[in-house]
C-alpha cells in the first residue's frame, strides 16, 4: 500500500515556518532589549543577572535565525 503524503500549501508552510520563528525572535528581543526591572517585575527573571538576560536574548535570536534557515532548506 502506497503511503499518502499530506499536501501542504505554500502559504501554510510559510505560516508554520514563521510563527515559531517569530515567537523566538520576540522572546529574544524581550530579554535583549527590555530593562532588567521589567523581567523581575513580571516574574520572568529566573534569578539571573542582567548580563545573563542579554545572553538569553542573543541565544533566542540566533536560534530563531537557525530555525528559519533550516526550515527553509527542508521545505524545498
Foldseek 3Di string as FASTA:
>chain_A
DDDDDDDDDPVRLVVVLPVVLVVLLVQLCCLQPPDQVVCVVVVNNPPDDSVVSNVSSVVSNVVSVVSNVVSVVVVD
